[in-house]
Amino acid sequence: MSEKTDYSIDEIIELAWKDNVSFDDIEMTTGLKEQAVIDIMKTHLKKGSYRLWRRRVNGRDSKHRQKTHFKRDQEDADRLV
């Protein structure tokens, strides 16, 4: 992990496991980009736990703020019609 942060590995892993915390939120909080979080998870989790986590976050809109905002904006627009 080349990026410096004031957060412990355990705190970063906890944030990454949460469904309602996007990678953008993690970056704003810790300063770590998505790839750095993925690298931390791969390094510090057991192989099976890492695979399970990747399956959970792969394609999950809530982990990507841009996709989440678009979806919310679309839902708001649909309600107005």
Foldseek 3Di string as FASTA:
>chain_A
DPDDWPDDLVVLVVLLQDLQRAQVNSCVRTVDHPVRSLVSLCVPPDPVVSVVSCVVPPVRQSNPVVSVVVVVVVVVVVVVD
